[in-house]
Amino acid sequence: LSRYPRELSGGQQQRIGVIRALAADAPLLLMDEPFGAVDPINRESIQNEFFELQRKLGMTVIMVSHDIDEAIKLGDKVAVFKSGRLLQFDHPDTLLAHPADEFVSAFTGQDSTLKRLLLVRAEDAADSS
């Protein structure tokens, strides 16, 4: 509280931007690389907190990310574009299990089976038992 915004690190500025966006209580939030300037150590915890807040508030969020793991983790649906053309728009599990083409397959990575397993939350697994 005793510093000006220009005196904050990039990651701190990103956090403040996310908080300000959530505080606006808008029905739709457009975020461009919201966690891009956050170091990897803090990124996951901030993503988890954001995910829980977004769910709790029931807010619709459209997020731009070049990080497929982030998109899969946070998105209900993921859109993959190449040269301005939409290649696939699907649930993360469908995107990983059935990529539309070679580009989508390469973009999602060779570890798509592991990524699909990570999508299953403990409570979801318990509910299906």
Protein backbone atom coordinates (compact mmCIF):
# COMPACT_ATOMS: atom_id res chain seq x y z
CA LEU A 1 0.00 0.00 0.00
CA SER A 2 2.96 2.31 0.34
CA ARG A 3 4.22 1.88 -3.24
CA TYR A 4 3.13 3.21 -6.60
CA PRO A 5 2.05 0.71 -9.29
CA ARG A 6 5.20 1.45 -11.32
CA GLU A 7 7.29 0.30 -8.32
CA LEU A 8 5.72 -3.18 -8.28
CA SER A 9 7.19 -6.20 -10.04
CA GLY A 10 5.52 -7.50 -13.18
CA GLY A 11 4.02 -10.39 -11.24
CA GLN A 12 2.65 -8.07 -8.55
CA GLN A 13 1.12 -5.86 -11.24
CA GLN A 14 -0.49 -8.94 -12.82
CA ARG A 15 -2.01 -9.93 -9.46
CA ILE A 16 -3.39 -6.44 -8.90
CA GLY A 17 -4.89 -6.49 -12.40
CA VAL A 18 -6.65 -9.80 -11.75
CA ILE A 19 -7.98 -8.56 -8.39
CA ARG A 20 -9.22 -5.30 -9.94
CA ALA A 21 -10.97 -7.21 -12.73
CA LEU A 22 -12.73 -9.50 -10.24
CA ALA A 23 -13.70 -6.55 -8.03
CA ALA A 24 -15.49 -4.88 -10.98
CA ASP A 25 -18.14 -7.64 -10.73
CA ALA A 26 -18.67 -7.66 -14.51
CA PRO A 27 -20.80 -10.45 -16.02
CA LEU A 28 -17.99 -11.25 -18.48
CA LEU A 29 -14.26 -10.96 -18.00
CA LEU A 30 -11.72 -10.98 -20.87
CA MET A 31 -8.19 -11.74 -19.69
CA ASP A 32 -5.08 -11.69 -21.88
CA GLU A 33 -2.27 -13.84 -20.43
CA PRO A 34 -3.32 -13.02 -16.84
CA PHE A 35 -0.62 -15.19 -15.27
CA GLY A 36 2.11 -14.55 -17.83
CA ALA A 37 4.34 -12.39 -15.62
CA VAL A 38 3.94 -14.56 -12.52
CA ASP A 39 6.88 -16.78 -11.61
CA PRO A 40 6.28 -20.54 -11.90
CA ILE A 41 6.46 -21.04 -8.12
CA ASN A 42 3.53 -18.69 -7.46
CA ARG A 43 1.64 -19.27 -10.72
CA GLU A 44 -0.05 -22.52 -9.71
CA SER A 45 -1.32 -21.24 -6.37
CA ILE A 46 -2.64 -18.04 -7.98
CA GLN A 47 -4.31 -20.08 -10.73
CA ASN A 48 -5.95 -22.33 -8.13
CA GLU A 49 -7.21 -19.33 -6.15
CA PHE A 50 -8.52 -17.68 -9.32
CA PHE A 51 -10.23 -20.93 -10.41
CA GLU A 52 -12.03 -21.25 -7.07
CA LEU A 53 -13.07 -17.58 -7.06
CA GLN A 54 -14.33 -17.77 -10.63
CA ARG A 55 -16.40 -20.86 -9.81
CA LYS A 56 -17.73 -19.34 -6.59
CA LEU A 57 -18.74 -16.09 -8.33
CA GLY A 58 -20.12 -17.90 -11.38
CA MET A 59 -18.33 -15.44 -13.62
CA THR A 60 -17.81 -16.11 -17.33
CA VAL A 61 -14.15 -15.68 -18.24
CA ILE A 62 -12.59 -15.68 -21.70
CA MET A 63 -8.86 -16.13 -21.27
CA VAL A 64 -6.13 -15.84 -23.88
CA SER A 65 -3.16 -18.08 -23.16
CA HIS A 66 -0.29 -19.53 -25.15
CA ASP A 67 0.20 -22.09 -22.37
CA ILE A 68 -1.85 -25.17 -23.29
CA ASP A 69 -1.46 -26.65 -19.80
CA GLU A 70 -2.93 -23.49 -18.27
CA ALA A 71 -5.80 -23.49 -20.78
CA ILE A 72 -6.59 -27.14 -20.10
CA LYS A 73 -6.42 -26.67 -16.34
CA LEU A 74 -8.58 -23.54 -16.16
CA GLY A 75 -10.91 -23.83 -19.15
CA ASP A 76 -14.33 -25.43 -19.41
CA LYS A 77 -13.74 -25.20 -23.15
CA VAL A 78 -10.53 -24.55 -25.08
CA ALA A 79 -10.17 -22.98 -28.52
CA VAL A 80 -7.03 -23.64 -30.56
CA PHE A 81 -6.22 -21.15 -33.30
CA LYS A 82 -3.55 -21.18 -36.01
CA SER A 83 -2.94 -18.12 -38.18
CA GLY A 84 -6.26 -16.62 -37.07
CA ARG A 85 -8.25 -19.73 -37.98
CA LEU A 86 -10.15 -21.76 -35.38
CA LEU A 87 -8.97 -25.37 -35.57
CA GLN A 88 -10.81 -26.86 -32.61
CA PHE A 89 -13.16 -25.71 -29.83
CA ASP A 90 -13.87 -28.42 -27.27
CA HIS A 91 -13.86 -29.53 -23.67
CA PRO A 92 -10.26 -30.07 -22.50
CA ASP A 93 -10.68 -33.85 -22.29
CA THR A 94 -12.07 -34.06 -25.83
CA LEU A 95 -9.32 -31.80 -27.14
CA LEU A 96 -6.69 -34.10 -25.62
CA ALA A 97 -8.37 -37.37 -26.60
CA HIS A 98 -9.41 -36.39 -30.12
CA PRO A 99 -7.28 -33.57 -31.55
CA ALA A 100 -8.77 -32.19 -34.78
CA ASP A 101 -5.49 -32.33 -36.70
CA GLU A 102 -1.71 -32.70 -36.42
CA PHE A 103 -1.23 -29.10 -35.30
CA VAL A 104 -3.65 -29.50 -32.37
CA SER A 105 -2.04 -32.83 -31.50
CA ALA A 106 1.44 -31.31 -31.49
CA PHE A 107 0.23 -28.25 -29.56
CA THR A 108 -1.35 -30.33 -26.80
CA GLY A 109 1.84 -32.37 -26.49
CA GLN A 110 2.87 -36.00 -26.33
CA ASP A 111 1.78 -36.35 -22.70
CA SER A 112 -1.95 -35.96 -23.44
CA THR A 113 -2.86 -39.15 -21.55
CA LEU A 114 -1.23 -37.82 -18.38
CA LYS A 115 -2.92 -34.44 -18.89
CA ARG A 116 -6.29 -36.21 -19.20
CA LEU A 117 -5.66 -38.01 -15.90
CA LEU A 118 -4.86 -34.70 -14.21
CA LEU A 119 -8.26 -33.36 -15.31
CA VAL A 120 -10.02 -35.90 -13.08
CA ARG A 121 -10.48 -34.33 -9.68
CA ALA A 122 -10.61 -36.44 -6.54
CA GLU A 123 -14.26 -35.51 -5.88
CA ASP A 124 -15.22 -36.45 -9.46
CA ALA A 125 -13.56 -39.85 -9.07
CA ALA A 126 -15.32 -40.38 -5.72
CA ASP A 127 -18.71 -39.46 -7.24
CA SER A 128 -18.35 -42.06 -9.98
CA SER A 129 -17.56 -44.86 -7.49
